[in-house]
PDB file of N, CA and C in Angstrom:
ATOM      1  N   MET A   1     113.267 -91.917 -51.002  1.00  0.00           N
ATOM      2  CA  MET A   1     113.929 -92.993 -50.363  1.00  0.00           C
ATOM      3  C   MET A   1     114.089 -94.225 -51.065  1.00  0.00           C
ATOM      4  N   SER A   2     115.032 -95.115 -51.097  1.00  0.00           N
ATOM      5  CA  SER A   2     115.490 -96.197 -51.752  1.00  0.00           C
ATOM      6  C   SER A   2     114.440 -97.271 -51.360  1.00  0.00           C
ATOM      7  N   ASP A   3     113.865 -98.082 -52.441  1.00  0.00           N
ATOM      8  CA  ASP A   3     112.966 -99.147 -52.139  1.00  0.00           C
ATOM      9  C   ASP A   3     113.384-100.155 -51.086  1.00  0.00           C
ATOM     10  N   HIS A   4     114.916-100.478 -51.227  1.00  0.00           N
ATOM     11  CA  HIS A   4     115.396-101.262 -50.359  1.00  0.00           C
ATOM     12  C   HIS A   4     115.465-100.893 -48.898  1.00  0.00           C
ATOM     13  N   LEU A   5     115.528 -99.637 -48.608  1.00  0.00           N
ATOM     14  CA  LEU A   5     115.576 -99.166 -47.215  1.00  0.00           C
ATOM     15  C   LEU A   5     114.244 -99.237 -46.740  1.00  0.00           C
ATOM     16  N   ILE A   6     113.204 -98.971 -47.460  1.00  0.00           N
ATOM     17  CA  ILE A   6     111.633 -99.081 -47.071  1.00  0.00           C
ATOM     18  C   ILE A   6     111.579-100.533 -46.826  1.00  0.00           C
ATOM     19  N   PHE A   7     112.003-101.336 -47.518  1.00  0.00           N
ATOM     20  CA  PHE A   7     111.585-102.918 -47.291  1.00  0.00           C
ATOM     21  C   PHE A   7     112.425-103.346 -46.129  1.00  0.00           C
ATOM     22  N   LEU A   8     113.663-102.903 -45.953  1.00  0.00           N
ATOM     23  CA  LEU A   8     114.442-103.280 -44.643  1.00  0.00           C
ATOM     24  C   LEU A   8     113.590-102.734 -43.511  1.00  0.00           C
ATOM     25  N   GLY A   9     113.029-101.278 -43.673  1.00  0.00           N
ATOM     26  CA  GLY A   9     112.618-100.790 -42.620  1.00  0.00           C
ATOM     27  C   GLY A   9     111.248-101.455 -42.168  1.00  0.00           C
ATOM     28  N   ALA A  10     110.490-102.005 -43.080  1.00  0.00           N
ATOM     29  CA  ALA A  10     109.320-102.743 -42.779  1.00  0.00           C
ATOM     30  C   ALA A  10     109.755-104.160 -41.966  1.00  0.00           C
ATOM     31  N   LEU A  11     110.726-104.702 -42.519  1.00  0.00           N
ATOM     32  CA  LEU A  11     111.316-105.874 -41.670  1.00  0.00           C
ATOM     33  C   LEU A  11     111.633-105.510 -40.423  1.00  0.00           C
ATOM     34  N   ILE A  12     112.373-104.404 -40.162  1.00  0.00           N
ATOM     35  CA  ILE A  12     113.061-104.178 -38.701  1.00  0.00           C
ATOM     36  C   ILE A  12     111.952-103.830 -37.782  1.00  0.00           C
ATOM     37  N   ILE A  13     110.954-103.155 -38.277  1.00  0.00           N
ATOM     38  CA  ILE A  13     109.443-102.685 -37.547  1.00  0.00           C
ATOM     39  C   ILE A  13     108.896-103.872 -37.062  1.00  0.00           C
ATOM     40  N   SER A  14     108.635-104.756 -38.064  1.00  0.00           N
ATOM     41  CA  SER A  14     107.588-106.074 -37.772  1.00  0.00           C
ATOM     42  C   SER A  14     108.551-107.124 -37.088  1.00  0.00           C
ATOM     43  N   PHE A  15     109.847-107.030 -36.784  1.00  0.00           N
ATOM     44  CA  PHE A  15     110.487-108.160 -36.114  1.00  0.00           C
ATOM     45  C   PHE A  15     110.360-108.282 -34.574  1.00  0.00           C
ATOM     46  N   PRO A  16     110.207-107.236 -33.858  1.00  0.00           N
ATOM     47  CA  PRO A  16     109.961-107.431 -32.462  1.00  0.00           C
ATOM     48  C   PRO A  16     108.524-107.916 -32.189  1.00  0.00           C
ATOM     49  N   ALA A  17     107.421-107.592 -33.086  1.00  0.00           N
ATOM     50  CA  ALA A  17     106.103-107.999 -32.995  1.00  0.00           C
ATOM     51  C   ALA A  17     106.169-109.559 -33.327  1.00  0.00           C
ATOM     52  N   ALA A  18     106.900-109.915 -34.197  1.00  0.00           N
ATOM     53  CA  ALA A  18     106.947-111.294 -34.584  1.00  0.00           C
ATOM     54  C   ALA A  18     107.755-112.237 -33.336  1.00  0.00           C
ATOM     55  N   LEU A  19     108.603-111.526 -32.904  1.00  0.00           N
ATOM     56  CA  LEU A  19     109.267-112.174 -31.548  1.00  0.00           C
ATOM     57  C   LEU A  19     108.325-112.424 -30.410  1.00  0.00           C
ATOM     58  N   TYR A  20     107.740-111.317 -30.334  1.00  0.00           N
ATOM     59  CA  TYR A  20     106.541-111.328 -29.126  1.00  0.00           C
ATOM     60  C   TYR A  20     105.521-112.408 -29.665  1.00  0.00           C
ATOM     61  N   ILE A  21     104.978-112.535 -30.700  1.00  0.00           N
ATOM     62  CA  ILE A  21     104.017-113.606 -30.830  1.00  0.00           C
ATOM     63  C   ILE A  21     104.604-114.884 -30.684  1.00  0.00           C
ATOM     64  N   ILE A  22     105.719-114.939 -31.074  1.00  0.00           N
ATOM     65  CA  ILE A  22     106.665-116.422 -31.002  1.00  0.00           C
ATOM     66  C   ILE A  22     106.528-116.625 -29.436  1.00  0.00           C
ATOM     67  N   TYR A  23     106.821-115.655 -28.587  1.00  0.00           N
ATOM     68  CA  TYR A  23     107.116-115.784 -27.204  1.00  0.00           C
ATOM     69  C   TYR A  23     105.767-116.278 -26.653  1.00  0.00           C
ATOM     70  N   LYS A  24     104.641-115.546 -26.843  1.00  0.00           N
ATOM     71  CA  LYS A  24     103.443-115.824 -26.335  1.00  0.00           C
ATOM     72  C   LYS A  24     102.804-117.166 -26.716  1.00  0.00           C
ATOM     73  N   VAL A  25     103.273-117.547 -27.924  1.00  0.00           N
ATOM     74  CA  VAL A  25     102.569-118.837 -28.467  1.00  0.00           C
ATOM     75  C   VAL A  25     103.548-120.108 -27.775  1.00  0.00           C
ATOM     76  N   PHE A  26     104.696-119.937 -27.729  1.00  0.00           N
ATOM     77  CA  PHE A  26     105.603-121.022 -27.462  1.00  0.00           C
ATOM     78  C   PHE A  26     106.290-121.063 -25.951  1.00  0.00           C
ATOM     79  N   GLY A  27     106.182-119.900 -25.302  1.00  0.00           N
ATOM     80  CA  GLY A  27     106.525-119.627 -23.975  1.00  0.00           C
ATOM     81  C   GLY A  27     108.134-119.977 -24.128  1.00  0.00           C
ATOM     82  N   ASP A  28     108.660-120.560 -22.766  1.00  0.00           N
ATOM     83  CA  ASP A  28     109.976-120.893 -22.869  1.00  0.00           C
ATOM     84  C   ASP A  28     110.256-122.297 -22.988  1.00  0.00           C
ATOM     85  N   SER A  29     110.171-122.725 -24.429  1.00  0.00           N
ATOM     86  CA  SER A  29     110.408-124.098 -24.769  1.00  0.00           C
ATOM     87  C   SER A  29     111.458-124.114 -25.994  1.00  0.00           C
ATOM     88  N   ILE A  30     111.867-125.237 -26.256  1.00  0.00           N
ATOM     89  CA  ILE A  30     112.844-125.200 -27.151  1.00  0.00           C
ATOM     90  C   ILE A  30     112.043-124.822 -28.697  1.00  0.00           C
ATOM     91  N   LEU A  31     110.754-125.066 -28.829  1.00  0.00           N
ATOM     92  CA  LEU A  31     110.296-124.554 -30.072  1.00  0.00           C
ATOM     93  C   LEU A  31     110.344-123.169 -30.147  1.00  0.00           C
ATOM     94  N   ARG A  32     110.511-122.310 -29.130  1.00  0.00           N
ATOM     95  CA  ARG A  32     110.610-121.049 -29.333  1.00  0.00           C
ATOM     96  C   ARG A  32     111.846-120.643 -29.916  1.00  0.00           C
ATOM     97  N   THR A  33     112.929-121.540 -29.300  1.00  0.00           N
ATOM     98  CA  THR A  33     114.330-121.144 -30.025  1.00  0.00           C
ATOM     99  C   THR A  33     114.360-121.571 -31.550  1.00  0.00           C
ATOM    100  N   ILE A  34     113.966-122.576 -31.889  1.00  0.00           N
ATOM    101  CA  ILE A  34     113.805-123.048 -33.078  1.00  0.00           C
ATOM    102  C   ILE A  34     112.911-122.051 -33.987  1.00  0.00           C
ATOM    103  N   MET A  35     111.888-121.450 -33.491  1.00  0.00           N
ATOM    104  CA  MET A  35     111.127-120.527 -34.275  1.00  0.00           C
ATOM    105  C   MET A  35     111.882-119.165 -34.435  1.00  0.00           C
ATOM    106  N   ASN A  36     112.387-118.785 -33.373  1.00  0.00           N
ATOM    107  CA  ASN A  36     113.249-117.603 -33.473  1.00  0.00           C
ATOM    108  C   ASN A  36     114.342-117.673 -34.516  1.00  0.00           C
ATOM    109  N   LEU A  37     115.118-118.842 -34.575  1.00  0.00           N
ATOM    110  CA  LEU A  37     116.005-119.007 -35.543  1.00  0.00           C
ATOM    111  C   LEU A  37     115.454-119.066 -36.985  1.00  0.00           C
ATOM    112  N   THR A  38     114.408-119.820 -37.055  1.00  0.00           N
ATOM    113  CA  THR A  38     113.464-119.806 -38.295  1.00  0.00           C
ATOM    114  C   THR A  38     113.189-118.172 -38.855  1.00  0.00           C
ATOM    115  N   LEU A  39     112.562-117.651 -37.884  1.00  0.00           N
ATOM    116  CA  LEU A  39     112.319-116.103 -37.979  1.00  0.00           C
ATOM    117  C   LEU A  39     113.544-115.456 -38.760  1.00  0.00           C
ATOM    118  N   VAL A  40     114.701-115.576 -38.078  1.00  0.00           N
ATOM    119  CA  VAL A  40     115.921-114.813 -38.499  1.00  0.00           C
ATOM    120  C   VAL A  40     116.229-115.105 -40.073  1.00  0.00           C
ATOM    121  N   LEU A  41     116.076-116.362 -40.254  1.00  0.00           N
ATOM    122  CA  LEU A  41     116.499-116.943 -41.479  1.00  0.00           C
ATOM    123  C   LEU A  41     115.514-116.529 -42.634  1.00  0.00           C
ATOM    124  N   THR A  42     114.203-116.568 -42.069  1.00  0.00           N
ATOM    125  CA  THR A  42     113.330-116.086 -43.105  1.00  0.00           C
ATOM    126  C   THR A  42     113.340-114.480 -43.447  1.00  0.00           C
ATOM    127  N   TYR A  43     113.565-113.730 -42.429  1.00  0.00           N
ATOM    128  CA  TYR A  43     113.681-112.401 -42.654  1.00  0.00           C
ATOM    129  C   TYR A  43     114.860-112.139 -43.495  1.00  0.00           C
ATOM    130  N   PHE A  44     116.090-112.677 -43.201  1.00  0.00           N
ATOM    131  CA  PHE A  44     117.286-112.671 -44.043  1.00  0.00           C
ATOM    132  C   PHE A  44     116.947-113.024 -45.298  1.00  0.00           C
ATOM    133  N   THR A  45     116.273-114.272 -45.621  1.00  0.00           N
ATOM    134  CA  THR A  45     116.174-114.550 -47.017  1.00  0.00           C
ATOM    135  C   THR A  45     115.301-113.768 -47.843  1.00  0.00           C
ATOM    136  N   SER A  46     114.222-113.294 -47.238  1.00  0.00           N
ATOM    137  CA  SER A  46     113.254-112.357 -47.719  1.00  0.00           C
ATOM    138  C   SER A  46     114.002-110.994 -48.166  1.00  0.00           C
ATOM    139  N   PHE A  47     114.850-110.643 -47.499  1.00  0.00           N
ATOM    140  CA  PHE A  47     115.465-109.291 -47.828  1.00  0.00           C
ATOM    141  C   PHE A  47     116.495-109.539 -49.037  1.00  0.00           C
ATOM    142  N   VAL A  48     117.084-110.684 -48.915  1.00  0.00           N
ATOM    143  CA  VAL A  48     118.099-111.010 -50.144  1.00  0.00           C
ATOM    144  C   VAL A  48     117.310-111.223 -51.374  1.00  0.00           C
ATOM    145  N   SER A  49     116.160-111.854 -51.289  1.00  0.00           N
ATOM    146  CA  SER A  49     115.309-112.210 -52.335  1.00  0.00           C
ATOM    147  C   SER A  49     114.800-110.770 -53.183  1.00  0.00           C
ATOM    148  N   TYR A  50     114.569-109.920 -52.181  1.00  0.00           N
ATOM    149  CA  TYR A  50     114.009-108.623 -52.522  1.00  0.00           C
ATOM    150  C   TYR A  50     115.038-108.058 -53.246  1.00  0.00           C
ATOM    151  N   VAL A  51     116.322-107.855 -52.903  1.00  0.00           N
ATOM    152  CA  VAL A  51     117.409-107.249 -53.574  1.00  0.00           C
ATOM    153  C   VAL A  51     117.616-108.020 -54.820  1.00  0.00           C
ATOM    154  N   VAL A  52     117.746-109.252 -54.866  1.00  0.00           N
ATOM    155  CA  VAL A  52     117.807-109.780 -56.257  1.00  0.00           C
ATOM    156  C   VAL A  52     116.732-109.542 -57.194  1.00  0.00           C
ATOM    157  N   GLY A  53     115.556-109.521 -56.700  1.00  0.00           N
ATOM    158  CA  GLY A  53     114.341-109.488 -57.628  1.00  0.00           C
ATOM    159  C   GLY A  53     114.397-107.910 -58.196  1.00  0.00           C
ATOM    160  N   HIS A  54     114.838-106.984 -57.527  1.00  0.00           N
ATOM    161  CA  HIS A  54     114.772-105.759 -57.973  1.00  0.00           C
ATOM    162  C   HIS A  54     116.276-105.219 -58.693  1.00  0.00           C
ATOM    163  N   SER A  55     117.229-106.092 -58.924  1.00  0.00           N
ATOM    164  CA  SER A  55     118.443-106.039 -59.435  1.00  0.00           C
ATOM    165  C   SER A  55     118.726-106.910 -60.319  1.00  0.00           C
ATOM    166  N   SER A  56     119.867-106.990 -60.903  1.00  0.00           N
ATOM    167  CA  SER A  56     120.397-107.941 -62.122  1.00  0.00           C
ATOM    168  C   SER A  56     120.488-109.416 -61.141  1.00  0.00           C
ATOM    169  N   LEU A  57     120.191-110.263 -61.953  1.00  0.00           N
ATOM    170  CA  LEU A  57     120.469-111.843 -61.589  1.00  0.00           C
ATOM    171  C   LEU A  57     121.838-112.203 -61.202  1.00  0.00           C
ATOM    172  N   ILE A  58     122.675-111.362 -61.494  1.00  0.00           N
ATOM    173  CA  ILE A  58     124.142-111.852 -61.129  1.00  0.00           C
ATOM    174  C   ILE A  58     124.181-111.566 -59.551  1.00  0.00           C
ATOM    175  N   ASN A  59     123.355-110.988 -58.815  1.00  0.00           N
ATOM    176  CA  ASN A  59     123.291-111.002 -57.490  1.00  0.00           C
ATOM    177  C   ASN A  59     122.975-112.331 -57.035  1.00  0.00           C
ATOM    178  N   MET A  60     122.584-113.101 -57.702  1.00  0.00           N
ATOM    179  CA  MET A  60     122.233-114.676 -57.155  1.00  0.00           C
ATOM    180  C   MET A  60     123.468-115.344 -56.838  1.00  0.00           C
ATOM    181  N   LEU A  61     124.607-114.831 -57.283  1.00  0.00           N
ATOM    182  CA  LEU A  61     126.040-115.463 -57.061  1.00  0.00           C
ATOM    183  C   LEU A  61     126.269-115.184 -55.573  1.00  0.00           C
ATOM    184  N   TRP A  62     125.871-114.237 -55.141  1.00  0.00           N
ATOM    185  CA  TRP A  62     125.991-113.941 -53.523  1.00  0.00           C
ATOM    186  C   TRP A  62     125.170-114.130 -52.635  1.00  0.00           C
ATOM    187  N   SER A  63     123.806-114.120 -53.251  1.00  0.00           N
ATOM    188  CA  SER A  63     122.722-114.295 -52.353  1.00  0.00           C
ATOM    189  C   SER A  63     122.356-115.724 -52.000  1.00  0.00           C
ATOM    190  N   PHE A  64     122.327-116.673 -52.779  1.00  0.00           N
ATOM    191  CA  PHE A  64     122.361-118.175 -52.577  1.00  0.00           C
ATOM    192  C   PHE A  64     123.258-118.640 -51.534  1.00  0.00           C
ATOM    193  N   PRO A  65     124.559-118.254 -51.570  1.00  0.00           N
ATOM    194  CA  PRO A  65     125.531-118.741 -50.693  1.00  0.00           C
ATOM    195  C   PRO A  65     125.415-118.157 -49.204  1.00  0.00           C
ATOM    196  N   SER A  66     125.078-116.883 -49.272  1.00  0.00           N
ATOM    197  CA  SER A  66     124.881-116.167 -48.098  1.00  0.00           C
ATOM    198  C   SER A  66     123.546-116.564 -47.251  1.00  0.00           C
ATOM    199  N   ALA A  67     122.641-116.923 -48.039  1.00  0.00           N
ATOM    200  CA  ALA A  67     121.356-117.451 -47.307  1.00  0.00           C
ATOM    201  C   ALA A  67     121.632-118.857 -46.880  1.00  0.00           C
ATOM    202  N   PHE A  68     122.275-119.652 -47.653  1.00  0.00           N
ATOM    203  CA  PHE A  68     122.630-121.015 -47.225  1.00  0.00           C
ATOM    204  C   PHE A  68     123.454-120.994 -46.016  1.00  0.00           C
ATOM    205  N   GLY A  69     124.480-120.104 -46.013  1.00  0.00           N
ATOM    206  CA  GLY A  69     125.293-119.931 -44.741  1.00  0.00           C
ATOM    207  C   GLY A  69     124.639-119.540 -43.606  1.00  0.00           C
ATOM    208  N   VAL A  70     123.696-118.629 -43.709  1.00  0.00           N
ATOM    209  CA  VAL A  70     122.878-118.353 -42.504  1.00  0.00           C
ATOM    210  C   VAL A  70     122.121-119.598 -42.021  1.00  0.00           C
ATOM    211  N   GLY A  71     121.368-120.237 -43.036  1.00  0.00           N
ATOM    212  CA  GLY A  71     120.577-121.295 -42.624  1.00  0.00           C
ATOM    213  C   GLY A  71     121.539-122.601 -41.913  1.00  0.00           C
ATOM    214  N   VAL A  72     122.782-122.536 -42.404  1.00  0.00           N
ATOM    215  CA  VAL A  72     123.551-123.591 -41.881  1.00  0.00           C
ATOM    216  C   VAL A  72     123.988-123.316 -40.220  1.00  0.00           C
ATOM    217  N   ILE A  73     124.156-121.762 -40.061  1.00  0.00           N
ATOM    218  CA  ILE A  73     124.639-121.451 -38.785  1.00  0.00           C
ATOM    219  C   ILE A  73     123.488-121.564 -37.788  1.00  0.00           C
TER     220      ILE A  73
END
């Protein structure tokens, strides 16, 4: 199996647990919303960085703008 799929699978499996922990810590507050958005950005950026790290640096041309775009949204 591809290393990329294994890493993506680990992120997908850990995502609900991370959301649950954020919910338990922050409850129904604005900080929970901020933390959820930060979590999505962190997971996306970590996957993109993993792909760039395991392939050529030419992928940096699409990875930085896409991570920046997700962060802005």
